[in-house]
Amino acid sequence: MNERSKVLEEAINLINGDREKDYGAPSKNFQTIADMWSAYLGYGVSARDVCNMMALLKIARLKNGQSRDSSLDGAAYLALGFEVGEC
């Protein structure tokens, strides 16, 4: 298996593993974050926005050099953003 497949497989395991037990259903968790960010910012933010902005945070960190953790998390946030955007 090549590295890109390994990274994606690890991301799949992250978003389908213990994190849901720890943080609850992604749609509910990201909506809670969106509600808090919306209150803080004074305008509406969606659960999908949260996922996309978290992915951007990981991409910003990657500007400083390659990081498996940031790559895994970025891929996971983008996949979750697609899912919560479909709800």
PDB file of N, CA and C in Angstrom:
ATOM      1  N   MET A   1       0.848  -1.182   0.000  1.00  0.00           N
ATOM      2  CA  MET A   1       0.000   0.000   0.000  1.00  0.00           C
ATOM      3  C   MET A   1       0.890   1.240   0.000  1.00  0.00           C
ATOM      4  N   ASN A   2       0.544   2.237  -0.820  1.00  0.00           N
ATOM      5  CA  ASN A   2       1.349   3.461  -0.872  1.00  0.00           C
ATOM      6  C   ASN A   2       0.987   4.398   0.290  1.00  0.00           C
ATOM      7  N   GLU A   3       1.806   5.433   0.469  1.00  0.00           N
ATOM      8  CA  GLU A   3       1.641   6.335   1.620  1.00  0.00           C
ATOM      9  C   GLU A   3       0.310   7.074   1.591  1.00  0.00           C
ATOM     10  N   ARG A   4      -0.125   7.517   0.417  1.00  0.00           N
ATOM     11  CA  ARG A   4      -1.393   8.268   0.362  1.00  0.00           C
ATOM     12  C   ARG A   4      -2.559   7.401   0.821  1.00  0.00           C
ATOM     13  N   SER A   5      -2.513   6.135   0.448  1.00  0.00           N
ATOM     14  CA  SER A   5      -3.571   5.214   0.882  1.00  0.00           C
ATOM     15  C   SER A   5      -3.501   4.959   2.381  1.00  0.00           C
ATOM     16  N   LYS A   6      -2.273   4.877   2.903  1.00  0.00           N
ATOM     17  CA  LYS A   6      -2.108   4.674   4.345  1.00  0.00           C
ATOM     18  C   LYS A   6      -2.663   5.860   5.124  1.00  0.00           C
ATOM     19  N   VAL A   7      -2.379   7.075   4.655  1.00  0.00           N
ATOM     20  CA  VAL A   7      -2.880   8.267   5.338  1.00  0.00           C
ATOM     21  C   VAL A   7      -4.402   8.284   5.317  1.00  0.00           C
ATOM     22  N   LEU A   8      -4.989   7.994   4.158  1.00  0.00           N
ATOM     23  CA  LEU A   8      -6.449   7.988   4.069  1.00  0.00           C
ATOM     24  C   LEU A   8      -7.061   6.877   4.914  1.00  0.00           C
ATOM     25  N   GLU A   9      -6.414   5.731   4.949  1.00  0.00           N
ATOM     26  CA  GLU A   9      -6.915   4.632   5.778  1.00  0.00           C
ATOM     27  C   GLU A   9      -6.865   5.005   7.258  1.00  0.00           C
ATOM     28  N   GLU A  10      -5.782   5.649   7.676  1.00  0.00           N
ATOM     29  CA  GLU A  10      -5.693   6.097   9.070  1.00  0.00           C
ATOM     30  C   GLU A  10      -6.777   7.126   9.385  1.00  0.00           C
ATOM     31  N   ALA A  11      -7.023   8.034   8.444  1.00  0.00           N
ATOM     32  CA  ALA A  11      -8.067   9.045   8.642  1.00  0.00           C
ATOM     33  C   ALA A  11      -9.429   8.365   8.776  1.00  0.00           C
ATOM     34  N   ILE A  12      -9.681   7.360   7.953  1.00  0.00           N
ATOM     35  CA  ILE A  12     -10.936   6.605   8.039  1.00  0.00           C
ATOM     36  C   ILE A  12     -11.077   5.975   9.415  1.00  0.00           C
ATOM     37  N   ASN A  13     -10.011   5.392   9.901  1.00  0.00           N
ATOM     38  CA  ASN A  13     -10.054   4.764  11.224  1.00  0.00           C
ATOM     39  C   ASN A  13     -10.297   5.788  12.328  1.00  0.00           C
ATOM     40  N   LEU A  14      -9.736   6.984  12.166  1.00  0.00           N
ATOM     41  CA  LEU A  14      -9.946   8.035  13.170  1.00  0.00           C
ATOM     42  C   LEU A  14     -11.407   8.457  13.243  1.00  0.00           C
ATOM     43  N   ILE A  15     -12.009   8.724  12.093  1.00  0.00           N
ATOM     44  CA  ILE A  15     -13.367   9.268  12.114  1.00  0.00           C
ATOM     45  C   ILE A  15     -14.424   8.206  12.358  1.00  0.00           C
ATOM     46  N   ASN A  16     -14.054   6.939  12.226  1.00  0.00           N
ATOM     47  CA  ASN A  16     -15.010   5.860  12.488  1.00  0.00           C
ATOM     48  C   ASN A  16     -14.672   5.080  13.753  1.00  0.00           C
ATOM     49  N   GLY A  17     -13.749   5.601  14.545  1.00  0.00           N
ATOM     50  CA  GLY A  17     -13.310   4.892  15.742  1.00  0.00           C
ATOM     51  C   GLY A  17     -13.801   5.532  17.019  1.00  0.00           C
ATOM     52  N   ASP A  18     -12.912   5.633  17.971  1.00  0.00           N
ATOM     53  CA  ASP A  18     -13.259   6.087  19.321  1.00  0.00           C
ATOM     54  C   ASP A  18     -13.664   7.553  19.405  1.00  0.00           C
ATOM     55  N   ARG A  19     -13.321   8.358  18.421  1.00  0.00           N
ATOM     56  CA  ARG A  19     -13.641   9.785  18.521  1.00  0.00           C
ATOM     57  C   ARG A  19     -15.132  10.038  18.650  1.00  0.00           C
ATOM     58  N   GLU A  20     -15.941   9.223  17.992  1.00  0.00           N
ATOM     59  CA  GLU A  20     -17.384   9.424  18.122  1.00  0.00           C
ATOM     60  C   GLU A  20     -17.839   9.123  19.545  1.00  0.00           C
ATOM     61  N   LYS A  21     -17.218   8.124  20.176  1.00  0.00           N
ATOM     62  CA  LYS A  21     -17.544   7.844  21.581  1.00  0.00           C
ATOM     63  C   LYS A  21     -17.131   9.012  22.460  1.00  0.00           C
ATOM     64  N   ASP A  22     -15.981   9.609  22.137  1.00  0.00           N
ATOM     65  CA  ASP A  22     -15.465  10.715  22.939  1.00  0.00           C
ATOM     66  C   ASP A  22     -16.237  12.013  22.726  1.00  0.00           C
ATOM     67  N   TYR A  23     -16.592  12.314  21.472  1.00  0.00           N
ATOM     68  CA  TYR A  23     -17.150  13.619  21.136  1.00  0.00           C
ATOM     69  C   TYR A  23     -18.603  13.594  20.680  1.00  0.00           C
ATOM     70  N   GLY A  24     -19.179  12.409  20.506  1.00  0.00           N
ATOM     71  CA  GLY A  24     -20.556  12.310  20.036  1.00  0.00           C
ATOM     72  C   GLY A  24     -20.630  12.297  18.517  1.00  0.00           C
ATOM     73  N   ALA A  25     -21.833  12.268  18.009  1.00  0.00           N
ATOM     74  CA  ALA A  25     -22.052  12.232  16.562  1.00  0.00           C
ATOM     75  C   ALA A  25     -21.446  13.471  15.914  1.00  0.00           C
ATOM     76  N   PRO A  26     -20.728  13.306  14.807  1.00  0.00           N
ATOM     77  CA  PRO A  26     -20.083  14.457  14.173  1.00  0.00           C
ATOM     78  C   PRO A  26     -21.046  15.604  13.856  1.00  0.00           C
ATOM     79  N   SER A  27     -22.219  15.290  13.320  1.00  0.00           N
ATOM     80  CA  SER A  27     -23.146  16.369  12.958  1.00  0.00           C
ATOM     81  C   SER A  27     -23.536  17.190  14.181  1.00  0.00           C
ATOM     82  N   LYS A  28     -23.778  16.541  15.285  1.00  0.00           N
ATOM     83  CA  LYS A  28     -24.154  17.255  16.518  1.00  0.00           C
ATOM     84  C   LYS A  28     -22.960  18.023  17.085  1.00  0.00           C
ATOM     85  N   ASN A  29     -21.800  17.393  17.118  1.00  0.00           N
ATOM     86  CA  ASN A  29     -20.605  18.035  17.668  1.00  0.00           C
ATOM     87  C   ASN A  29     -20.226  19.278  16.863  1.00  0.00           C
ATOM     88  N   PHE A  30     -20.197  19.142  15.538  1.00  0.00           N
ATOM     89  CA  PHE A  30     -19.818  20.292  14.716  1.00  0.00           C
ATOM     90  C   PHE A  30     -20.895  21.369  14.729  1.00  0.00           C
ATOM     91  N   GLN A  31     -22.159  20.999  14.906  1.00  0.00           N
ATOM     92  CA  GLN A  31     -23.205  22.020  15.025  1.00  0.00           C
ATOM     93  C   GLN A  31     -23.060  22.776  16.336  1.00  0.00           C
ATOM     94  N   THR A  32     -22.685  22.091  17.400  1.00  0.00           N
ATOM     95  CA  THR A  32     -22.442  22.762  18.680  1.00  0.00           C
ATOM     96  C   THR A  32     -21.309  23.773  18.540  1.00  0.00           C
ATOM     97  N   ILE A  33     -20.230  23.363  17.879  1.00  0.00           N
ATOM     98  CA  ILE A  33     -19.113  24.281  17.637  1.00  0.00           C
ATOM     99  C   ILE A  33     -19.578  25.457  16.788  1.00  0.00           C
ATOM    100  N   ALA A  34     -20.355  25.171  15.729  1.00  0.00           N
ATOM    101  CA  ALA A  34     -20.863  26.227  14.852  1.00  0.00           C
ATOM    102  C   ALA A  34     -21.711  27.227  15.629  1.00  0.00           C
ATOM    103  N   ASP A  35     -22.544  26.733  16.518  1.00  0.00           N
ATOM    104  CA  ASP A  35     -23.390  27.620  17.326  1.00  0.00           C
ATOM    105  C   ASP A  35     -22.531  28.532  18.205  1.00  0.00           C
ATOM    106  N   MET A  36     -21.492  27.968  18.799  1.00  0.00           N
ATOM    107  CA  MET A  36     -20.604  28.766  19.658  1.00  0.00           C
ATOM    108  C   MET A  36     -19.813  29.783  18.850  1.00  0.00           C
ATOM    109  N   TRP A  37     -19.284  29.361  17.699  1.00  0.00           N
ATOM    110  CA  TRP A  37     -18.544  30.293  16.841  1.00  0.00           C
ATOM    111  C   TRP A  37     -19.467  31.388  16.326  1.00  0.00           C
ATOM    112  N   SER A  38     -20.701  31.031  15.987  1.00  0.00           N
ATOM    113  CA  SER A  38     -21.670  32.018  15.502  1.00  0.00           C
ATOM    114  C   SER A  38     -21.950  33.071  16.566  1.00  0.00           C
ATOM    115  N   ALA A  39     -22.135  32.628  17.786  1.00  0.00           N
ATOM    116  CA  ALA A  39     -22.379  33.572  18.880  1.00  0.00           C
ATOM    117  C   ALA A  39     -21.175  34.491  19.082  1.00  0.00           C
ATOM    118  N   TYR A  40     -19.992  33.936  19.022  1.00  0.00           N
ATOM    119  CA  TYR A  40     -18.776  34.718  19.216  1.00  0.00           C
ATOM    120  C   TYR A  40     -18.564  35.715  18.078  1.00  0.00           C
ATOM    121  N   LEU A  41     -18.759  35.261  16.840  1.00  0.00           N
ATOM    122  CA  LEU A  41     -18.506  36.105  15.673  1.00  0.00           C
ATOM    123  C   LEU A  41     -19.630  37.089  15.381  1.00  0.00           C
ATOM    124  N   GLY A  42     -20.848  36.769  15.821  1.00  0.00           N
ATOM    125  CA  GLY A  42     -21.978  37.630  15.562  1.00  0.00           C
ATOM    126  C   GLY A  42     -22.646  37.378  14.220  1.00  0.00           C
ATOM    127  N   TYR A  43     -22.300  36.285  13.564  1.00  0.00           N
ATOM    128  CA  TYR A  43     -22.974  35.877  12.325  1.00  0.00           C
ATOM    129  C   TYR A  43     -22.916  34.357  12.214  1.00  0.00           C
ATOM    130  N   GLY A  44     -23.793  33.823  11.385  1.00  0.00           N
ATOM    131  CA  GLY A  44     -23.967  32.380  11.304  1.00  0.00           C
ATOM    132  C   GLY A  44     -22.811  31.624  10.668  1.00  0.00           C
ATOM    133  N   VAL A  45     -22.467  30.520  11.303  1.00  0.00           N
ATOM    134  CA  VAL A  45     -21.460  29.583  10.808  1.00  0.00           C
ATOM    135  C   VAL A  45     -22.115  28.206  10.817  1.00  0.00           C
ATOM    136  N   SER A  46     -21.928  27.451   9.758  1.00  0.00           N
ATOM    137  CA  SER A  46     -22.538  26.115   9.692  1.00  0.00           C
ATOM    138  C   SER A  46     -21.570  25.045  10.196  1.00  0.00           C
ATOM    139  N   ALA A  47     -22.111  23.880  10.450  1.00  0.00           N
ATOM    140  CA  ALA A  47     -21.272  22.741  10.846  1.00  0.00           C
ATOM    141  C   ALA A  47     -20.252  22.435   9.751  1.00  0.00           C
ATOM    142  N   ARG A  48     -20.671  22.555   8.503  1.00  0.00           N
ATOM    143  CA  ARG A  48     -19.736  22.331   7.386  1.00  0.00           C
ATOM    144  C   ARG A  48     -18.629  23.381   7.383  1.00  0.00           C
ATOM    145  N   ASP A  49     -18.976  24.637   7.673  1.00  0.00           N
ATOM    146  CA  ASP A  49     -17.957  25.688   7.785  1.00  0.00           C
ATOM    147  C   ASP A  49     -16.915  25.318   8.835  1.00  0.00           C
ATOM    148  N   VAL A  50     -17.371  24.797   9.957  1.00  0.00           N
ATOM    149  CA  VAL A  50     -16.457  24.401  11.034  1.00  0.00           C
ATOM    150  C   VAL A  50     -15.451  23.367  10.510  1.00  0.00           C
ATOM    151  N   CYS A  51     -15.953  22.347   9.840  1.00  0.00           N
ATOM    152  CA  CYS A  51     -15.066  21.305   9.304  1.00  0.00           C
ATOM    153  C   CYS A  51     -14.070  21.891   8.322  1.00  0.00           C
ATOM    154  N   ASN A  52     -14.559  22.740   7.414  1.00  0.00           N
ATOM    155  CA  ASN A  52     -13.666  23.329   6.419  1.00  0.00           C
ATOM    156  C   ASN A  52     -12.625  24.240   7.058  1.00  0.00           C
ATOM    157  N   MET A  53     -13.023  24.997   8.060  1.00  0.00           N
ATOM    158  CA  MET A  53     -12.059  25.880   8.721  1.00  0.00           C
ATOM    159  C   MET A  53     -11.051  25.093   9.554  1.00  0.00           C
ATOM    160  N   MET A  54     -11.481  23.991  10.142  1.00  0.00           N
ATOM    161  CA  MET A  54     -10.535  23.139  10.863  1.00  0.00           C
ATOM    162  C   MET A  54      -9.536  22.514   9.883  1.00  0.00           C
ATOM    163  N   ALA A  55     -10.011  22.140   8.693  1.00  0.00           N
ATOM    164  CA  ALA A  55      -9.100  21.620   7.662  1.00  0.00           C
ATOM    165  C   ALA A  55      -8.105  22.715   7.257  1.00  0.00           C
ATOM    166  N   LEU A  56      -8.587  23.947   7.126  1.00  0.00           N
ATOM    167  CA  LEU A  56      -7.684  25.053   6.791  1.00  0.00           C
ATOM    168  C   LEU A  56      -6.642  25.290   7.881  1.00  0.00           C
ATOM    169  N   LEU A  57      -7.045  25.129   9.142  1.00  0.00           N
ATOM    170  CA  LEU A  57      -6.081  25.235  10.239  1.00  0.00           C
ATOM    171  C   LEU A  57      -4.961  24.207  10.058  1.00  0.00           C
ATOM    172  N   LYS A  58      -5.346  22.980   9.712  1.00  0.00           N
ATOM    173  CA  LYS A  58      -4.350  21.922   9.505  1.00  0.00           C
ATOM    174  C   LYS A  58      -3.469  22.243   8.309  1.00  0.00           C
ATOM    175  N   ILE A  59      -4.056  22.803   7.245  1.00  0.00           N
ATOM    176  CA  ILE A  59      -3.270  23.190   6.069  1.00  0.00           C
ATOM    177  C   ILE A  59      -2.293  24.309   6.434  1.00  0.00           C
ATOM    178  N   ALA A  60      -2.733  25.268   7.249  1.00  0.00           N
ATOM    179  CA  ALA A  60      -1.834  26.341   7.695  1.00  0.00           C
ATOM    180  C   ALA A  60      -0.649  25.772   8.462  1.00  0.00           C
ATOM    181  N   ARG A  61      -0.903  24.775   9.289  1.00  0.00           N
ATOM    182  CA  ARG A  61       0.188  24.135  10.029  1.00  0.00           C
ATOM    183  C   ARG A  61       1.149  23.416   9.086  1.00  0.00           C
ATOM    184  N   LEU A  62       0.614  22.871   7.990  1.00  0.00           N
ATOM    185  CA  LEU A  62       1.459  22.169   7.024  1.00  0.00           C
ATOM    186  C   LEU A  62       2.395  23.111   6.271  1.00  0.00           C
ATOM    187  N   LYS A  63       2.102  24.411   6.295  1.00  0.00           N
ATOM    188  CA  LYS A  63       3.011  25.378   5.669  1.00  0.00           C
ATOM    189  C   LYS A  63       4.371  25.356   6.350  1.00  0.00           C
ATOM    190  N   ASN A  64       4.424  24.938   7.609  1.00  0.00           N
ATOM    191  CA  ASN A  64       5.679  24.890   8.354  1.00  0.00           C
ATOM    192  C   ASN A  64       6.431  23.587   8.154  1.00  0.00           C
ATOM    193  N   GLY A  65       5.868  22.664   7.394  1.00  0.00           N
ATOM    194  CA  GLY A  65       6.532  21.394   7.131  1.00  0.00           C
ATOM    195  C   GLY A  65       5.545  20.246   7.176  1.00  0.00           C
ATOM    196  N   GLN A  66       5.970  19.164   6.604  1.00  0.00           N
ATOM    197  CA  GLN A  66       5.124  17.979   6.536  1.00  0.00           C
ATOM    198  C   GLN A  66       4.840  17.434   7.925  1.00  0.00           C
ATOM    199  N   SER A  67       3.580  17.075   8.152  1.00  0.00           N
ATOM    200  CA  SER A  67       3.159  16.497   9.426  1.00  0.00           C
ATOM    201  C   SER A  67       2.096  15.451   9.140  1.00  0.00           C
ATOM    202  N   ARG A  68       2.364  14.245   9.523  1.00  0.00           N
ATOM    203  CA  ARG A  68       1.384  13.174   9.314  1.00  0.00           C
ATOM    204  C   ARG A  68       0.089  13.486  10.064  1.00  0.00           C
ATOM    205  N   ASP A  69       0.208  13.959  11.290  1.00  0.00           N
ATOM    206  CA  ASP A  69      -0.963  14.261  12.099  1.00  0.00           C
ATOM    207  C   ASP A  69      -1.844  15.315  11.437  1.00  0.00           C
ATOM    208  N   SER A  70      -1.247  16.397  10.963  1.00  0.00           N
ATOM    209  CA  SER A  70      -2.038  17.443  10.310  1.00  0.00           C
ATOM    210  C   SER A  70      -2.647  16.953   9.007  1.00  0.00           C
ATOM    211  N   SER A  71      -1.929  16.121   8.266  1.00  0.00           N
ATOM    212  CA  SER A  71      -2.471  15.556   7.034  1.00  0.00           C
ATOM    213  C   SER A  71      -3.645  14.632   7.325  1.00  0.00           C
ATOM    214  N   LEU A  72      -3.500  13.788   8.340  1.00  0.00           N
ATOM    215  CA  LEU A  72      -4.596  12.898   8.737  1.00  0.00           C
ATOM    216  C   LEU A  72      -5.825  13.693   9.153  1.00  0.00           C
ATOM    217  N   ASP A  73      -5.619  14.650  10.030  1.00  0.00           N
ATOM    218  CA  ASP A  73      -6.739  15.436  10.536  1.00  0.00           C
ATOM    219  C   ASP A  73      -7.388  16.255   9.423  1.00  0.00           C
ATOM    220  N   GLY A  74      -6.583  16.821   8.522  1.00  0.00           N
ATOM    221  CA  GLY A  74      -7.141  17.593   7.412  1.00  0.00           C
ATOM    222  C   GLY A  74      -8.035  16.742   6.533  1.00  0.00           C
ATOM    223  N   ALA A  75      -7.568  15.555   6.186  1.00  0.00           N
ATOM    224  CA  ALA A  75      -8.370  14.641   5.375  1.00  0.00           C
ATOM    225  C   ALA A  75      -9.657  14.262   6.112  1.00  0.00           C
ATOM    226  N   ALA A  76      -9.544  14.013   7.400  1.00  0.00           N
ATOM    227  CA  ALA A  76     -10.709  13.630   8.198  1.00  0.00           C
ATOM    228  C   ALA A  76     -11.724  14.767   8.263  1.00  0.00           C
ATOM    229  N   TYR A  77     -11.261  16.000   8.510  1.00  0.00           N
ATOM    230  CA  TYR A  77     -12.192  17.136   8.580  1.00  0.00           C
ATOM    231  C   TYR A  77     -12.905  17.355   7.256  1.00  0.00           C
ATOM    232  N   LEU A  78     -12.201  17.206   6.137  1.00  0.00           N
ATOM    233  CA  LEU A  78     -12.850  17.386   4.841  1.00  0.00           C
ATOM    234  C   LEU A  78     -13.913  16.328   4.587  1.00  0.00           C
ATOM    235  N   ALA A  79     -13.628  15.081   4.954  1.00  0.00           N
ATOM    236  CA  ALA A  79     -14.614  14.018   4.791  1.00  0.00           C
ATOM    237  C   ALA A  79     -15.827  14.267   5.686  1.00  0.00           C
ATOM    238  N   LEU A  80     -15.574  14.661   6.906  1.00  0.00           N
ATOM    239  CA  LEU A  80     -16.678  14.940   7.832  1.00  0.00           C
ATOM    240  C   LEU A  80     -17.490  16.156   7.369  1.00  0.00           C
ATOM    241  N   GLY A  81     -16.805  17.150   6.806  1.00  0.00           N
ATOM    242  CA  GLY A  81     -17.506  18.319   6.282  1.00  0.00           C
ATOM    243  C   GLY A  81     -18.459  17.955   5.162  1.00  0.00           C
ATOM    244  N   PHE A  82     -18.035  17.031   4.314  1.00  0.00           N
ATOM    245  CA  PHE A  82     -18.926  16.570   3.256  1.00  0.00           C
ATOM    246  C   PHE A  82     -20.146  15.894   3.863  1.00  0.00           C
ATOM    247  N   GLU A  83     -19.909  15.054   4.861  1.00  0.00           N
ATOM    248  CA  GLU A  83     -21.017  14.341   5.492  1.00  0.00           C
ATOM    249  C   GLU A  83     -21.989  15.290   6.181  1.00  0.00           C
ATOM    250  N   VAL A  84     -21.499  16.211   6.984  1.00  0.00           N
ATOM    251  CA  VAL A  84     -22.423  17.090   7.707  1.00  0.00           C
ATOM    252  C   VAL A  84     -23.092  18.081   6.760  1.00  0.00           C
ATOM    253  N   GLY A  85     -22.460  18.375   5.635  1.00  0.00           N
ATOM    254  CA  GLY A  85     -23.086  19.246   4.634  1.00  0.00           C
ATOM    255  C   GLY A  85     -24.241  18.575   3.921  1.00  0.00           C
ATOM    256  N   GLU A  86     -24.258  17.254   3.938  1.00  0.00           N
ATOM    257  CA  GLU A  86     -25.319  16.487   3.296  1.00  0.00           C
ATOM    258  C   GLU A  86     -26.553  16.373   4.189  1.00  0.00           C
ATOM    259  N   CYS A  87     -26.384  16.633   5.509  1.00  0.00           N
ATOM    260  CA  CYS A  87     -27.487  16.462   6.467  1.00  0.00           C
ATOM    261  C   CYS A  87     -28.549  17.523   6.296  1.00  0.00           C
TER     262      CYS A  87
END
